[in-house]
Amino acid sequence: MKVVDELPGWERFKRPFAVALNFAFGCHHRKLSRVFTIEGRSYKVCCDCGAHLDYSLKEMSLVSSRPSRHALRSLRTRHI
């Protein structure tokens, strides 16, 4: 089940617009702090908006909920 399906009617209607506006005008988290590890959680902090972004010490990169461009590129180049 998608997150959008779990939202009430009005929220389901306005969420796509909020996501689009946030993408266009929101913070793109370009200025990040060093890595902090507190109570077993590693993260970086956006110096512009203060958002905490999860960080993988194993992969040495930010943890993203959407596929990275590198992952999509490798899917396109894979021979079937």
N, C-alpha and C. Protein backbone atom coordinates (compact mmCIF):
# COMPACT_ATOMS: atom_id res chain seq x y z
N MET A 1 0.84 -1.18 0.00
CA MET A 1 0.00 0.00 0.00
C MET A 1 0.89 1.24 0.00
N LYS A 2 0.57 2.22 -0.84
CA LYS A 2 1.33 3.46 -0.91
C LYS A 2 0.92 4.39 0.22
N VAL A 3 1.83 5.30 0.56
CA VAL A 3 1.54 6.28 1.61
C VAL A 3 0.37 7.15 1.20
N VAL A 4 0.27 7.48 -0.08
CA VAL A 4 -0.81 8.34 -0.56
C VAL A 4 -2.17 7.69 -0.33
N ASP A 5 -2.28 6.36 -0.42
CA ASP A 5 -3.54 5.67 -0.20
C ASP A 5 -4.01 5.75 1.24
N GLU A 6 -3.08 5.96 2.18
CA GLU A 6 -3.42 5.99 3.59
C GLU A 6 -3.89 7.36 4.06
N LEU A 7 -3.76 8.40 3.23
CA LEU A 7 -4.10 9.76 3.62
C LEU A 7 -5.60 10.02 3.42
N PRO A 8 -6.17 10.92 4.25
CA PRO A 8 -7.56 11.30 4.04
C PRO A 8 -7.74 12.02 2.70
N GLY A 9 -8.97 12.18 2.25
CA GLY A 9 -9.29 12.74 0.94
C GLY A 9 -8.56 14.01 0.57
N TRP A 10 -8.68 15.05 1.39
CA TRP A 10 -8.06 16.33 1.06
C TRP A 10 -6.54 16.23 1.03
N GLU A 11 -5.96 15.50 1.97
CA GLU A 11 -4.51 15.32 2.01
C GLU A 11 -4.03 14.57 0.77
N ARG A 12 -4.78 13.59 0.32
CA ARG A 12 -4.42 12.83 -0.87
C ARG A 12 -4.43 13.74 -2.11
N PHE A 13 -5.33 14.73 -2.13
CA PHE A 13 -5.42 15.65 -3.25
C PHE A 13 -4.27 16.66 -3.25
N LYS A 14 -3.94 17.24 -2.09
CA LYS A 14 -2.95 18.32 -2.08
C LYS A 14 -1.51 17.83 -1.92
N ARG A 15 -1.28 16.58 -1.53
CA ARG A 15 0.09 16.09 -1.34
C ARG A 15 0.95 16.17 -2.60
N PRO A 16 0.46 15.75 -3.79
CA PRO A 16 1.31 15.86 -4.99
C PRO A 16 1.74 17.31 -5.27
N PHE A 17 0.85 18.26 -5.01
CA PHE A 17 1.19 19.67 -5.23
C PHE A 17 2.23 20.13 -4.22
N ALA A 18 2.10 19.70 -2.97
CA ALA A 18 3.08 20.07 -1.95
C ALA A 18 4.44 19.49 -2.26
N VAL A 19 4.48 18.25 -2.74
CA VAL A 19 5.75 17.62 -3.11
C VAL A 19 6.39 18.37 -4.27
N ALA A 20 5.59 18.74 -5.28
CA ALA A 20 6.12 19.47 -6.43
C ALA A 20 6.65 20.84 -6.03
N LEU A 21 5.91 21.55 -5.19
CA LEU A 21 6.36 22.87 -4.74
C LEU A 21 7.62 22.76 -3.89
N ASN A 22 7.68 21.76 -3.04
CA ASN A 22 8.87 21.57 -2.22
C ASN A 22 10.08 21.25 -3.08
N PHE A 23 9.88 20.46 -4.13
CA PHE A 23 10.99 20.14 -5.03
C PHE A 23 11.46 21.40 -5.76
N ALA A 24 10.52 22.21 -6.22
CA ALA A 24 10.87 23.40 -7.00
C ALA A 24 11.45 24.51 -6.14
N PHE A 25 10.88 24.76 -4.98
CA PHE A 25 11.26 25.92 -4.18
C PHE A 25 11.85 25.59 -2.82
N GLY A 26 11.82 24.31 -2.44
CA GLY A 26 12.31 23.91 -1.13
C GLY A 26 13.83 23.83 -1.08
N CYS A 27 14.33 23.47 0.05
CA CYS A 27 15.77 23.35 0.26
C CYS A 27 16.28 22.09 -0.45
N HIS A 28 17.39 22.23 -1.16
CA HIS A 28 17.98 21.09 -1.86
C HIS A 28 19.15 20.49 -1.08
N HIS A 29 19.35 20.94 0.14
CA HIS A 29 20.34 20.38 1.07
C HIS A 29 21.73 20.30 0.45
N ARG A 30 22.21 21.41 -0.06
CA ARG A 30 23.54 21.43 -0.69
C ARG A 30 24.64 21.69 0.32
N LYS A 31 24.34 22.41 1.40
CA LYS A 31 25.35 22.71 2.42
C LYS A 31 25.14 21.78 3.61
N LEU A 32 25.92 20.70 3.66
CA LEU A 32 25.75 19.69 4.71
C LEU A 32 26.92 19.71 5.68
N SER A 33 26.63 19.38 6.92
CA SER A 33 27.65 19.30 7.96
C SER A 33 28.45 18.01 7.82
N ARG A 34 29.37 17.83 8.72
CA ARG A 34 30.08 16.56 8.80
C ARG A 34 29.12 15.51 9.36
N VAL A 35 29.56 14.29 9.41
CA VAL A 35 28.71 13.19 9.90
C VAL A 35 28.70 13.20 11.42
N PHE A 36 27.53 13.06 12.00
CA PHE A 36 27.36 12.90 13.45
C PHE A 36 26.82 11.50 13.70
N THR A 37 27.33 10.83 14.72
CA THR A 37 26.80 9.54 15.14
C THR A 37 26.45 9.65 16.62
N ILE A 38 25.15 9.62 16.90
CA ILE A 38 24.66 9.74 18.27
C ILE A 38 23.66 8.63 18.51
N GLU A 39 23.86 7.87 19.58
CA GLU A 39 22.99 6.76 19.96
C GLU A 39 22.76 5.79 18.80
N GLY A 40 23.82 5.47 18.07
CA GLY A 40 23.76 4.49 17.00
C GLY A 40 23.18 4.99 15.69
N ARG A 41 22.82 6.26 15.61
CA ARG A 41 22.25 6.83 14.38
C ARG A 41 23.25 7.80 13.78
N SER A 42 23.61 7.60 12.52
CA SER A 42 24.53 8.49 11.82
C SER A 42 23.73 9.38 10.88
N TYR A 43 24.06 10.67 10.86
CA TYR A 43 23.34 11.60 10.02
C TYR A 43 24.18 12.83 9.74
N LYS A 44 23.79 13.58 8.72
CA LYS A 44 24.34 14.89 8.42
C LYS A 44 23.21 15.90 8.61
N VAL A 45 23.56 17.14 8.86
CA VAL A 45 22.57 18.19 9.05
C VAL A 45 22.70 19.22 7.94
N CYS A 46 21.58 19.63 7.36
CA CYS A 46 21.58 20.68 6.35
C CYS A 46 21.80 22.01 7.08
N CYS A 47 22.83 22.74 6.67
CA CYS A 47 23.15 24.02 7.31
C CYS A 47 22.16 25.12 6.95
N ASP A 48 21.37 24.94 5.91
CA ASP A 48 20.38 25.94 5.51
C ASP A 48 19.04 25.77 6.23
N CYS A 49 18.52 24.54 6.29
CA CYS A 49 17.18 24.35 6.85
C CYS A 49 17.16 23.53 8.14
N GLY A 50 18.27 22.88 8.48
CA GLY A 50 18.33 22.11 9.72
C GLY A 50 17.81 20.69 9.64
N ALA A 51 17.51 20.22 8.45
CA ALA A 51 17.00 18.85 8.28
C ALA A 51 18.10 17.84 8.60
N HIS A 52 17.72 16.74 9.25
CA HIS A 52 18.65 15.64 9.54
C HIS A 52 18.51 14.60 8.44
N LEU A 53 19.61 14.30 7.75
CA LEU A 53 19.60 13.34 6.65
C LEU A 53 20.41 12.12 7.06
N ASP A 54 19.78 10.95 7.05
CA ASP A 54 20.44 9.72 7.47
C ASP A 54 21.65 9.44 6.60
N TYR A 55 22.70 8.90 7.23
CA TYR A 55 23.97 8.64 6.56
C TYR A 55 24.40 7.22 6.85
N SER A 56 24.85 6.50 5.84
CA SER A 56 25.32 5.12 6.00
C SER A 56 26.84 5.13 6.13
N LEU A 57 27.34 4.68 7.26
CA LEU A 57 28.79 4.58 7.43
C LEU A 57 29.36 3.45 6.59
N LYS A 58 28.55 2.43 6.30
CA LYS A 58 29.01 1.31 5.48
C LYS A 58 29.20 1.74 4.03
N GLU A 59 28.23 2.49 3.50
CA GLU A 59 28.28 2.95 2.11
C GLU A 59 29.01 4.29 1.96
N MET A 60 29.22 4.98 3.07
CA MET A 60 29.85 6.31 3.09
C MET A 60 29.08 7.30 2.21
N SER A 61 27.75 7.26 2.33
CA SER A 61 26.90 8.18 1.57
C SER A 61 25.57 8.37 2.29
N LEU A 62 24.82 9.36 1.83
CA LEU A 62 23.50 9.60 2.39
C LEU A 62 22.57 8.45 2.03
N VAL A 63 21.66 8.14 2.94
CA VAL A 63 20.66 7.12 2.71
C VAL A 63 19.47 7.81 2.08
N SER A 64 19.02 7.33 0.93
CA SER A 64 17.93 7.96 0.21
C SER A 64 16.77 6.99 0.10
N SER A 65 15.55 7.53 0.18
CA SER A 65 14.37 6.68 0.03
C SER A 65 14.07 6.42 -1.44
N ARG A 66 14.58 7.24 -2.32
CA ARG A 66 14.38 7.02 -3.76
C ARG A 66 15.67 6.49 -4.37
N PRO A 67 15.59 5.80 -5.50
CA PRO A 67 16.80 5.25 -6.12
C PRO A 67 17.74 6.36 -6.57
N SER A 68 19.02 6.15 -6.38
CA SER A 68 19.99 7.16 -6.80
C SER A 68 20.15 7.15 -8.31
N ARG A 69 20.74 8.20 -8.84
CA ARG A 69 20.97 8.26 -10.28
C ARG A 69 21.94 7.17 -10.70
N HIS A 70 22.91 6.88 -9.84
CA HIS A 70 23.87 5.83 -10.15
C HIS A 70 23.17 4.48 -10.30
N ALA A 71 22.24 4.20 -9.42
CA ALA A 71 21.50 2.93 -9.48
C ALA A 71 20.67 2.87 -10.75
N LEU A 72 20.04 3.96 -11.12
CA LEU A 72 19.24 3.97 -12.34
C LEU A 72 20.13 3.82 -13.57
N ARG A 73 21.31 4.43 -13.54
CA ARG A 73 22.24 4.32 -14.66
C ARG A 73 22.68 2.88 -14.83
N SER A 74 22.96 2.18 -13.74
CA SER A 74 23.41 0.79 -13.85
C SER A 74 22.28 -0.11 -14.35
N LEU A 75 21.02 0.23 -14.05
CA LEU A 75 19.90 -0.55 -14.56
C LEU A 75 19.78 -0.40 -16.07
N ARG A 76 20.04 0.81 -16.58
CA ARG A 76 19.93 1.04 -18.01
C ARG A 76 21.05 0.35 -18.78
N THR A 77 22.24 0.23 -18.18
CA THR A 77 23.37 -0.34 -18.89
C THR A 77 23.46 -1.84 -18.74
N ARG A 78 22.62 -2.44 -17.91
CA ARG A 78 22.66 -3.88 -17.70
C ARG A 78 22.18 -4.60 -18.95
N HIS A 79 22.93 -5.60 -19.35
CA HIS A 79 22.57 -6.39 -20.53
C HIS A 79 21.61 -7.50 -20.14
N ILE A 80 20.54 -7.63 -20.88
CA ILE A 80 19.53 -8.66 -20.57
C ILE A 80 19.68 -9.82 -21.53
